[in-house]
Amino acid sequence: GDYELTEGLSIGTSYSIQRENEVTGEFYPSNAYFRGFNEQGWAGRGTEEKTNELFELTGKYSTDFGNTSLNAVVGYSWNELTEEGFVAIGRNYISNDITYNNLGFSTRKNVGDPNAVNSGRQQYRVIGFFGRVNLDIDDTYYVTLSARQEGSSRFGANNQWGLFPAASAGVNISKLADLSGVDQLKLRVGFGQTGSLPPESYISKFRYQQKGNFYFNGGFVPAFSPQINDNPDLKWETKTEIDVGLDFAFMDYKVTGTLD
């Protein structure tokens, strides 16, 4: 939805939610050399659900004064992503006919095997505040300034936020000089920074992992050990780019190109 407060000034908001659901099944019969042969049949069933929720609020302003036009955007973004999954595996089947449709027919499951039943869930948020200003002076000089303050729960408690600025400027030389046969000759230079998220959630936290089993009091008991240390200083990976370019057009725009 968008609402125009006054001429040139408007606010807008948007909300979306996207869900993906997947159900998988695998079966290897008892005569399959790849996996089922030594297992007397192997069957697995899994589910995965992903949810992506996004809310954004923006304000836009545009105006002209003299030979200069100005366009500005400010906004807020909230994004939450959740992934859940479940996997169950059975081995040693008296028949290959059931495949993965009834794991209860397995005669060997969960005995000292941490991978027979497995589930997981992860969730993280990305929140951003952003702004951008564009100036066009006499269709000859161009200036763009932008910045984004962004935070994510995937980082350590000490470095969840990052600031990513950008700036660019250009001049259309063909507007300043009468160049025969030249339709456009635009020189531009730009600078910008972007941030990358870690590949998974909770890697800044101290975590345990299941590692093997031991026999205790008449049965197998899972063992646990530390997996990773906590890292409260985990921060954004920042990439910086500087670009210089030239856009040109000749012969009534029959020949165009860009050099960067």
Protein backbone atom coordinates (compact mmCIF):
# COMPACT_ATOMS: atom_id res chain seq x y z
CA GLY A 1 0.00 0.00 0.00
CA ASP A 2 1.08 3.56 -0.78
CA TYR A 3 -0.33 6.89 0.38
CA GLU A 4 0.53 10.32 -1.02
CA LEU A 5 0.73 12.82 1.84
CA THR A 6 1.29 15.79 -0.44
CA GLU A 7 2.66 16.43 -3.90
CA GLY A 8 6.02 14.67 -4.16
CA LEU A 9 5.84 13.10 -0.69
CA SER A 10 4.46 9.61 -0.08
CA ILE A 11 4.76 6.69 2.32
CA GLY A 12 4.46 3.01 1.52
CA THR A 13 4.34 -0.28 3.36
CA SER A 14 4.50 -3.90 2.27
CA TYR A 15 4.24 -7.31 3.94
CA SER A 16 4.84 -10.74 2.49
CA ILE A 17 5.20 -14.29 3.77
CA GLN A 18 6.54 -17.15 1.71
CA ARG A 19 6.39 -20.81 2.72
CA GLU A 20 8.10 -23.81 1.17
CA ASN A 21 7.24 -27.36 2.20
CA GLU A 22 9.09 -30.43 1.01
CA VAL A 23 8.56 -34.13 1.70
CA THR A 24 11.23 -36.58 0.51
CA GLY A 25 11.54 -40.35 0.49
CA GLU A 26 14.46 -42.67 -0.35
CA PHE A 27 14.57 -46.42 -0.64
CA TYR A 28 17.38 -48.81 -1.52
CA PRO A 29 16.35 -52.48 -1.78
CA SER A 30 18.31 -55.31 -0.24
CA ASN A 31 19.97 -56.15 -3.58
CA ALA A 32 21.15 -52.56 -4.30
CA TYR A 33 24.95 -52.56 -4.06
CA PHE A 34 25.11 -48.78 -3.56
CA ARG A 35 23.51 -48.77 -0.12
CA GLY A 36 20.82 -51.36 0.55
CA PHE A 37 22.85 -54.56 0.10
CA ASN A 38 24.75 -54.45 3.39
CA GLU A 39 21.76 -52.95 5.22
CA GLN A 40 19.22 -55.62 4.10
CA GLY A 41 17.20 -52.70 2.73
CA TRP A 42 17.44 -49.01 3.62
CA ALA A 43 14.57 -46.48 3.75
CA GLY A 44 14.39 -42.84 4.79
CA ARG A 45 11.68 -40.22 5.05
CA GLY A 46 12.17 -36.49 5.55
CA THR A 47 10.30 -33.19 5.75
CA GLU A 48 11.51 -29.61 5.49
CA GLU A 49 9.63 -26.35 5.94
CA LYS A 50 10.97 -22.85 5.22
CA THR A 51 9.24 -19.58 6.08
CA ASN A 52 10.38 -16.15 4.90
CA GLU A 53 8.54 -13.17 6.43
CA LEU A 54 9.28 -9.63 5.23
CA PHE A 55 7.92 -6.23 6.31
CA GLU A 56 9.08 -2.91 4.84
CA LEU A 57 8.13 0.72 5.45
CA THR A 58 9.38 3.46 3.10
CA GLY A 59 9.06 7.19 2.60
CA LYS A 60 9.68 8.84 -0.79
CA TYR A 61 10.20 12.48 -1.71
CA SER A 62 10.82 14.06 -5.10
CA THR A 63 10.99 17.67 -6.21
CA ASP A 64 12.41 19.97 -8.86
CA PHE A 65 13.98 23.34 -8.25
CA GLY A 66 15.32 25.22 -11.21
CA ASN A 67 17.29 22.83 -13.40
CA THR A 68 17.86 20.37 -10.54
CA SER A 69 15.74 17.37 -9.59
CA LEU A 70 15.99 15.55 -6.26
CA ASN A 71 14.69 12.10 -5.32
CA ALA A 72 15.03 10.69 -1.82
CA VAL A 73 14.02 7.41 -0.15
CA VAL A 74 14.21 6.39 3.52
CA GLY A 75 13.00 3.12 4.94
CA TYR A 76 12.90 0.31 7.47
CA SER A 77 13.08 -3.41 6.73
CA TRP A 78 12.35 -6.42 8.97
CA ASN A 79 13.04 -9.94 7.72
CA GLU A 80 12.71 -13.23 9.64
CA LEU A 81 13.61 -16.62 8.18
CA THR A 82 12.86 -19.99 9.76
CA GLU A 83 13.89 -23.49 8.66
CA GLU A 84 12.70 -26.76 10.23
CA GLY A 85 13.40 -30.33 9.24
CA PHE A 86 12.91 -33.95 10.31
CA VAL A 87 14.47 -37.18 9.03
CA ALA A 88 13.81 -40.82 10.03
CA ILE A 89 15.71 -43.86 8.74
CA GLY A 90 15.02 -47.59 8.99
CA ARG A 91 17.10 -50.62 8.01
CA ASN A 92 16.71 -54.37 7.59
CA TYR A 93 13.38 -55.00 5.85
CA ILE A 94 11.79 -58.42 5.25
CA SER A 95 10.36 -57.13 1.94
CA ASN A 96 11.26 -54.54 -0.70
CA ASP A 97 7.62 -53.90 -1.59
CA ILE A 98 6.80 -51.33 1.10
CA THR A 99 9.75 -49.04 0.20
CA TYR A 100 9.74 -45.96 2.48
CA ASN A 101 5.97 -45.94 3.09
CA ASN A 102 6.12 -47.75 6.44
CA LEU A 103 9.34 -47.28 8.40
CA GLY A 104 7.79 -49.32 11.21
CA PHE A 105 8.50 -52.46 9.16
CA SER A 106 12.19 -51.92 9.81
CA THR A 107 13.59 -54.53 12.19
CA ARG A 108 16.67 -52.47 13.08
CA LYS A 109 16.29 -48.83 14.00
CA ASN A 110 17.67 -46.37 16.55
CA VAL A 111 20.02 -48.93 18.14
CA GLY A 112 23.17 -47.00 18.93
CA ASP A 113 22.70 -44.89 15.80
CA PRO A 114 22.34 -41.11 16.30
CA ASN A 115 21.50 -40.64 12.61
CA ALA A 116 18.42 -42.90 12.58
CA VAL A 117 16.13 -40.07 13.77
CA ASN A 118 17.17 -36.46 13.37
CA SER A 119 15.48 -33.07 13.47
CA GLY A 120 16.57 -29.45 13.47
CA ARG A 121 15.37 -25.88 13.51
CA GLN A 122 17.07 -22.56 12.92
CA GLN A 123 15.79 -19.00 12.82
CA TYR A 124 17.37 -15.60 12.27
CA ARG A 125 16.41 -11.99 11.65
CA VAL A 126 17.81 -9.20 9.51
CA ILE A 127 16.74 -5.62 10.32
CA GLY A 128 17.78 -2.60 8.27
CA PHE A 129 17.42 1.18 8.16
CA PHE A 130 18.27 2.71 4.79
CA GLY A 131 18.29 5.95 2.85
CA ARG A 132 19.20 7.17 -0.63
CA VAL A 133 19.38 10.59 -2.30
CA ASN A 134 19.67 11.18 -6.07
CA LEU A 135 20.53 14.58 -7.60
CA ASP A 136 20.27 15.37 -11.30
CA ILE A 137 21.64 18.80 -12.22
CA ASP A 138 20.68 20.03 -15.69
CA ASP A 139 20.78 16.45 -17.01
CA THR A 140 24.56 16.89 -16.90
CA TYR A 141 25.78 16.19 -13.37
CA TYR A 142 24.58 13.21 -11.33
CA VAL A 143 25.15 12.46 -7.65
CA THR A 144 23.88 9.54 -5.56
CA LEU A 145 24.41 9.03 -1.82
CA SER A 146 23.11 6.07 0.15
CA ALA A 147 23.60 4.25 3.44
CA ARG A 148 22.20 1.17 5.12
CA GLN A 149 22.44 0.34 8.81
CA GLU A 150 21.82 -3.38 9.09
CA GLY A 151 21.74 -5.86 11.95
CA SER A 152 21.36 -9.63 12.15
CA SER A 153 20.92 -12.16 14.93
CA ARG A 154 23.47 -14.41 13.21
CA PHE A 155 26.34 -12.28 14.54
CA GLY A 156 27.92 -12.06 17.97
CA ALA A 157 26.36 -9.88 20.65
CA ASN A 158 29.14 -7.28 20.27
CA ASN A 159 28.89 -6.82 16.50
CA GLN A 160 25.34 -7.40 15.31
CA TRP A 161 25.12 -4.09 13.41
CA GLY A 162 27.03 -2.80 10.40
CA LEU A 163 26.94 0.45 8.41
CA PHE A 164 27.30 0.21 4.62
CA PRO A 165 27.64 3.52 2.74
CA ALA A 166 27.79 4.19 -1.00
CA ALA A 167 28.37 7.25 -3.17
CA SER A 168 28.62 7.86 -6.88
CA ALA A 169 28.95 10.84 -9.23
CA GLY A 170 28.88 11.30 -12.97
CA VAL A 171 29.14 13.98 -15.61
CA ASN A 172 27.80 13.90 -19.16
CA ILE A 173 30.72 15.44 -21.06
CA SER A 174 28.70 15.62 -24.27
CA LYS A 175 26.47 18.20 -22.56
CA LEU A 176 29.43 20.45 -21.77
CA ALA A 177 31.17 20.36 -25.15
CA ASP A 178 29.93 20.24 -28.72
CA LEU A 179 31.48 16.97 -29.89
CA SER A 180 30.63 16.15 -33.47
CA GLY A 181 29.06 12.72 -33.90
CA VAL A 182 29.00 12.07 -30.13
CA ASP A 183 25.55 11.51 -28.64
CA GLN A 184 26.68 10.59 -25.14
CA LEU A 185 29.97 10.60 -23.28
CA LYS A 186 29.34 10.06 -19.58
CA LEU A 187 32.17 9.69 -17.05
CA ARG A 188 31.28 8.24 -13.64
CA VAL A 189 32.96 7.11 -10.45
CA GLY A 190 31.48 5.15 -7.57
CA PHE A 191 32.30 3.73 -4.15
CA GLY A 192 30.27 1.27 -2.10
CA GLN A 193 30.33 -1.26 0.72
CA THR A 194 28.13 -4.32 1.21
CA GLY A 195 27.91 -6.89 4.01
CA SER A 196 27.61 -10.69 3.88
CA LEU A 197 25.82 -12.94 6.36
CA PRO A 198 27.37 -16.11 7.84
CA PRO A 199 26.26 -19.34 6.12
CA GLU A 200 24.22 -20.57 9.11
CA SER A 201 22.69 -19.46 12.40
CA TYR A 202 24.09 -19.86 15.92
CA ILE A 203 27.78 -20.08 14.92
CA SER A 204 28.52 -17.27 17.39
CA LYS A 205 27.12 -19.42 20.23
CA PHE A 206 28.78 -22.11 22.32
CA ARG A 207 27.34 -25.37 21.00
CA TYR A 208 27.44 -29.08 21.79
CA GLN A 209 27.23 -31.98 19.36
CA GLN A 210 26.31 -35.61 19.72
CA LYS A 211 29.40 -37.72 19.30
CA GLY A 212 29.01 -41.47 19.50
CA ASN A 213 27.33 -43.56 22.19
CA PHE A 214 28.32 -45.49 25.25
CA TYR A 215 26.70 -48.48 26.92
CA PHE A 216 25.26 -47.63 30.33
CA ASN A 217 22.83 -49.39 32.63
CA GLY A 218 21.71 -51.91 30.04
CA GLY A 219 21.34 -49.61 27.06
CA PHE A 220 23.07 -47.23 24.68
CA VAL A 221 23.28 -43.62 25.83
CA PRO A 222 24.31 -40.78 23.46
CA ALA A 223 27.49 -38.90 24.28
CA PHE A 224 27.93 -35.15 23.82
CA SER A 225 30.99 -32.97 23.39
CA PRO A 226 31.69 -29.29 22.63
CA GLN A 227 31.34 -28.44 18.93
CA ILE A 228 32.40 -24.77 18.71
CA ASN A 229 33.35 -22.04 21.17
CA ASP A 230 31.26 -18.91 21.48
CA ASN A 231 32.38 -15.85 19.52
CA PRO A 232 30.65 -12.63 20.67
CA ASP A 233 32.86 -10.63 18.26
CA LEU A 234 31.67 -12.37 15.08
CA LYS A 235 30.87 -9.50 12.69
CA TRP A 236 29.79 -8.62 9.16
CA GLU A 237 32.07 -9.58 6.31
CA THR A 238 32.43 -6.30 4.41
CA LYS A 239 33.24 -5.94 0.73
CA THR A 240 34.40 -2.59 -0.65
CA GLU A 241 34.22 -1.71 -4.34
CA ILE A 242 35.52 1.31 -6.26
CA ASP A 243 34.45 1.74 -9.86
CA VAL A 244 35.39 4.17 -12.62
CA GLY A 245 33.46 3.94 -15.88
CA LEU A 246 32.68 5.60 -19.20
CA ASP A 247 29.41 5.28 -21.16
CA PHE A 248 29.43 6.36 -24.80
CA ALA A 249 27.14 6.55 -27.84
CA PHE A 250 28.01 7.56 -31.39
CA MET A 251 26.33 7.90 -34.80
CA ASP A 252 22.85 8.72 -33.51
CA TYR A 253 23.06 5.91 -30.93
CA LYS A 254 23.93 3.27 -33.54
CA VAL A 255 27.14 2.49 -31.64
CA THR A 256 26.93 2.32 -27.84
CA GLY A 257 29.16 0.86 -25.18
CA THR A 258 30.56 0.95 -21.65
CA LEU A 259 34.08 0.78 -20.28
CA ASP A 260 34.64 0.00 -16.57
